[in-house]
């Protein structure tokens, strides 16, 4: 049984996703359902563990970056100085 939900996305992402879904003869709803099924049916403990497949990279703009933890001020400072070496 299908259930309806409301999601909010950046307009550019929606446009690209609709184009991709149409080009691959799948509805946007089924494409999102497929992605959600994949991530919830496996033993991923965080988004960082989830492998982004090639076809998702095709519709993405740039590298996927997941920020789930805030770095401490000290860690940010150390990271900055390491990048300058």
N, C-alpha and C. Protein backbone atom coordinates (compact mmCIF):
# COMPACT_ATOMS: atom_id res chain seq x y z
N UNK A 1 0.83 -1.18 0.00
CA UNK A 1 0.00 0.00 0.00
C UNK A 1 0.88 1.25 0.00
N UNK A 2 0.61 2.15 -0.88
CA UNK A 2 1.37 3.39 -0.95
C UNK A 2 0.82 4.42 0.04
N UNK A 3 1.71 5.24 0.55
CA UNK A 3 1.34 6.35 1.43
C UNK A 3 1.99 7.60 0.89
N UNK A 4 1.35 8.73 1.07
CA UNK A 4 1.89 9.99 0.57
C UNK A 4 2.63 10.72 1.66
N UNK A 5 3.73 11.40 1.26
CA UNK A 5 4.48 12.26 2.16
C UNK A 5 4.83 13.54 1.41
N UNK A 6 5.19 14.55 2.13
CA UNK A 6 5.61 15.81 1.53
C UNK A 6 7.08 16.03 1.87
N UNK A 7 7.89 16.28 0.85
CA UNK A 7 9.32 16.53 1.03
C UNK A 7 9.65 17.87 0.40
N UNK A 8 10.69 18.52 0.90
CA UNK A 8 11.15 19.78 0.34
C UNK A 8 12.58 19.63 -0.13
N UNK A 9 12.84 20.06 -1.37
CA UNK A 9 14.17 19.98 -1.96
C UNK A 9 14.47 21.30 -2.67
N UNK A 10 15.73 21.54 -2.92
CA UNK A 10 16.16 22.67 -3.73
C UNK A 10 15.55 22.52 -5.13
N UNK A 11 15.07 23.61 -5.70
CA UNK A 11 14.39 23.56 -7.01
C UNK A 11 15.28 22.97 -8.11
N UNK A 12 16.55 23.29 -8.08
CA UNK A 12 17.48 22.76 -9.10
C UNK A 12 17.59 21.24 -8.97
N UNK A 13 17.66 20.75 -7.74
CA UNK A 13 17.74 19.31 -7.51
C UNK A 13 16.48 18.62 -8.03
N UNK A 14 15.32 19.20 -7.75
CA UNK A 14 14.06 18.62 -8.22
C UNK A 14 14.04 18.57 -9.75
N UNK A 15 14.44 19.64 -10.39
CA UNK A 15 14.43 19.70 -11.85
C UNK A 15 15.35 18.62 -12.43
N UNK A 16 16.55 18.51 -11.89
CA UNK A 16 17.50 17.50 -12.39
C UNK A 16 16.99 16.09 -12.13
N UNK A 17 16.41 15.87 -10.96
CA UNK A 17 15.90 14.55 -10.62
C UNK A 17 14.73 14.17 -11.53
N UNK A 18 13.85 15.10 -11.83
CA UNK A 18 12.74 14.83 -12.73
C UNK A 18 13.24 14.48 -14.13
N UNK A 19 14.23 15.23 -14.60
CA UNK A 19 14.80 14.95 -15.93
C UNK A 19 15.43 13.57 -15.95
N UNK A 20 16.16 13.25 -14.90
CA UNK A 20 16.81 11.94 -14.82
C UNK A 20 15.77 10.82 -14.79
N UNK A 21 14.76 10.98 -13.97
CA UNK A 21 13.72 9.96 -13.84
C UNK A 21 13.01 9.76 -15.18
N UNK A 22 12.67 10.87 -15.84
CA UNK A 22 12.00 10.78 -17.14
C UNK A 22 12.87 10.08 -18.17
N UNK A 23 14.14 10.42 -18.21
CA UNK A 23 15.07 9.80 -19.17
C UNK A 23 15.22 8.31 -18.92
N UNK A 24 14.99 7.87 -17.68
CA UNK A 24 15.13 6.46 -17.33
C UNK A 24 13.79 5.76 -17.14
N UNK A 25 12.73 6.43 -17.61
CA UNK A 25 11.40 5.84 -17.62
C UNK A 25 10.96 5.34 -16.25
N UNK A 26 11.16 6.16 -15.25
CA UNK A 26 10.74 5.85 -13.88
C UNK A 26 10.15 7.11 -13.28
N UNK A 27 9.17 6.96 -12.42
CA UNK A 27 8.61 8.14 -11.78
C UNK A 27 9.57 8.63 -10.70
N UNK A 28 9.48 9.90 -10.42
CA UNK A 28 10.31 10.48 -9.37
C UNK A 28 10.00 9.81 -8.03
N UNK A 29 8.74 9.53 -7.78
CA UNK A 29 8.35 8.85 -6.54
C UNK A 29 9.01 7.49 -6.41
N UNK A 30 9.00 6.71 -7.47
CA UNK A 30 9.59 5.37 -7.43
C UNK A 30 11.12 5.45 -7.30
N UNK A 31 11.72 6.46 -7.91
CA UNK A 31 13.16 6.62 -7.80
C UNK A 31 13.55 6.93 -6.34
N UNK A 32 12.82 7.83 -5.70
CA UNK A 32 13.08 8.17 -4.30
C UNK A 32 12.80 6.96 -3.41
N UNK A 33 11.73 6.24 -3.71
CA UNK A 33 11.41 5.03 -2.94
C UNK A 33 12.54 4.01 -3.05
N UNK A 34 13.09 3.84 -4.25
CA UNK A 34 14.20 2.92 -4.46
C UNK A 34 15.40 3.32 -3.61
N UNK A 35 15.75 4.60 -3.61
CA UNK A 35 16.89 5.08 -2.82
C UNK A 35 16.66 4.86 -1.32
N UNK A 36 15.47 5.17 -0.86
CA UNK A 36 15.16 4.98 0.56
C UNK A 36 15.19 3.51 0.95
N UNK A 37 14.70 2.66 0.05
CA UNK A 37 14.72 1.22 0.32
C UNK A 37 16.16 0.73 0.43
N UNK A 38 17.02 1.17 -0.48
CA UNK A 38 18.42 0.76 -0.47
C UNK A 38 19.12 1.15 0.83
N UNK A 39 18.91 2.37 1.26
CA UNK A 39 19.63 2.84 2.44
C UNK A 39 19.08 2.22 3.73
N UNK A 40 17.79 1.92 3.77
CA UNK A 40 17.21 1.37 5.00
C UNK A 40 17.25 -0.15 5.06
N UNK A 41 17.51 -0.82 3.94
CA UNK A 41 17.52 -2.28 3.95
C UNK A 41 18.91 -2.86 4.19
N UNK A 42 19.89 -2.02 4.32
CA UNK A 42 21.26 -2.46 4.56
C UNK A 42 21.69 -2.05 5.95
N UNK A 43 22.86 -2.48 6.32
CA UNK A 43 23.37 -2.19 7.67
C UNK A 43 24.24 -0.94 7.71
N UNK A 44 23.78 0.12 7.11
CA UNK A 44 24.53 1.36 7.15
C UNK A 44 24.28 2.03 8.50
N UNK A 45 25.35 2.39 9.18
CA UNK A 45 25.19 3.04 10.48
C UNK A 45 25.15 4.56 10.35
N UNK A 46 25.57 5.09 9.20
CA UNK A 46 25.52 6.53 8.96
C UNK A 46 25.50 6.78 7.46
N UNK A 47 25.23 8.01 7.08
CA UNK A 47 25.22 8.35 5.65
C UNK A 47 26.61 8.21 5.03
N UNK A 48 27.65 8.38 5.84
CA UNK A 48 29.00 8.24 5.33
C UNK A 48 29.29 6.82 4.85
N UNK A 49 28.58 5.83 5.40
CA UNK A 49 28.77 4.44 5.01
C UNK A 49 28.05 4.10 3.71
N UNK A 50 27.09 4.90 3.32
CA UNK A 50 26.26 4.61 2.16
C UNK A 50 27.01 4.92 0.87
N UNK A 51 27.22 3.91 0.02
CA UNK A 51 27.93 4.17 -1.23
C UNK A 51 27.02 4.87 -2.24
N UNK A 52 27.48 5.97 -2.76
CA UNK A 52 26.72 6.70 -3.77
C UNK A 52 27.03 6.09 -5.13
N UNK A 53 26.02 5.57 -5.78
CA UNK A 53 26.24 4.88 -7.05
C UNK A 53 26.49 5.88 -8.18
N UNK A 54 26.97 5.36 -9.29
CA UNK A 54 27.31 6.21 -10.43
C UNK A 54 26.11 7.01 -10.94
N UNK A 55 24.94 6.40 -10.96
CA UNK A 55 23.79 7.12 -11.52
C UNK A 55 23.35 8.27 -10.63
N UNK A 56 23.62 8.20 -9.34
CA UNK A 56 23.33 9.33 -8.47
C UNK A 56 24.34 10.44 -8.73
N UNK A 57 25.60 10.06 -8.95
CA UNK A 57 26.62 11.06 -9.27
C UNK A 57 26.27 11.82 -10.54
N UNK A 58 25.60 11.16 -11.47
CA UNK A 58 25.25 11.82 -12.73
C UNK A 58 24.26 12.96 -12.52
N UNK A 59 23.40 12.85 -11.52
CA UNK A 59 22.43 13.92 -11.31
C UNK A 59 22.85 14.89 -10.21
N UNK A 60 23.93 14.57 -9.52
CA UNK A 60 24.39 15.43 -8.44
C UNK A 60 25.27 16.55 -9.00
N UNK A 61 25.31 17.64 -8.28
CA UNK A 61 26.19 18.74 -8.63
C UNK A 61 27.37 18.70 -7.70
N UNK A 62 28.48 18.19 -8.15
CA UNK A 62 29.67 18.14 -7.33
C UNK A 62 29.69 16.96 -6.38
N UNK A 63 30.67 16.97 -5.50
CA UNK A 63 30.89 15.89 -4.54
C UNK A 63 29.82 15.90 -3.45
N UNK A 64 29.30 14.73 -3.10
CA UNK A 64 28.34 14.63 -1.99
C UNK A 64 29.09 14.74 -0.68
N UNK A 65 28.68 15.67 0.15
CA UNK A 65 29.33 15.89 1.44
C UNK A 65 28.27 15.81 2.53
N UNK A 66 28.48 14.92 3.48
CA UNK A 66 27.55 14.76 4.58
C UNK A 66 28.21 15.29 5.84
N UNK A 67 27.57 16.22 6.49
CA UNK A 67 28.11 16.77 7.72
C UNK A 67 27.17 16.37 8.85
N UNK A 68 27.56 15.35 9.58
CA UNK A 68 26.70 14.86 10.65
C UNK A 68 27.22 15.23 12.03
N UNK A 69 28.48 15.64 12.11
CA UNK A 69 29.06 16.01 13.39
C UNK A 69 29.72 17.37 13.26
N UNK A 70 29.56 18.17 14.27
CA UNK A 70 30.24 19.46 14.29
C UNK A 70 31.64 19.26 14.86
N UNK A 71 32.61 19.84 14.21
CA UNK A 71 33.98 19.74 14.70
C UNK A 71 34.20 20.79 15.78
N UNK A 72 35.04 20.42 16.71
CA UNK A 72 35.37 21.37 17.76
C UNK A 72 36.23 22.49 17.18
N UNK A 73 36.28 23.57 17.88
CA UNK A 73 37.09 24.71 17.43
C UNK A 73 38.56 24.31 17.31
N UNK A 74 39.02 23.49 18.27
CA UNK A 74 40.40 23.02 18.26
C UNK A 74 40.66 22.15 17.03
N UNK A 75 39.74 21.26 16.71
CA UNK A 75 39.90 20.38 15.54
C UNK A 75 39.92 21.19 14.25
N UNK A 76 39.06 22.20 14.16
CA UNK A 76 39.04 23.06 12.97
C UNK A 76 40.36 23.81 12.82
N UNK A 77 40.89 24.30 13.94
CA UNK A 77 42.16 25.03 13.92
C UNK A 77 43.29 24.12 13.46
N UNK A 78 43.34 22.90 14.00
CA UNK A 78 44.38 21.94 13.61
C UNK A 78 44.27 21.58 12.12
N UNK A 79 43.04 21.39 11.65
CA UNK A 79 42.82 21.07 10.25
C UNK A 79 43.30 22.22 9.35
N UNK A 80 43.03 23.44 9.77
CA UNK A 80 43.46 24.60 9.00
C UNK A 80 44.98 24.66 8.90
N UNK A 81 45.65 24.50 10.03
CA UNK A 81 47.12 24.59 10.02
C UNK A 81 47.76 23.44 9.24
N UNK A 82 47.18 22.27 9.30
CA UNK A 82 47.70 21.14 8.52
C UNK A 82 47.58 21.40 7.03
N UNK A 83 46.50 22.05 6.63
CA UNK A 83 46.30 22.32 5.19
C UNK A 83 47.27 23.36 4.68
N UNK A 84 47.86 24.16 5.55
CA UNK A 84 48.80 25.20 5.15
C UNK A 84 50.24 24.71 5.04
N UNK A 85 50.50 23.49 5.50
CA UNK A 85 51.87 22.96 5.47
C UNK A 85 52.24 22.48 4.09
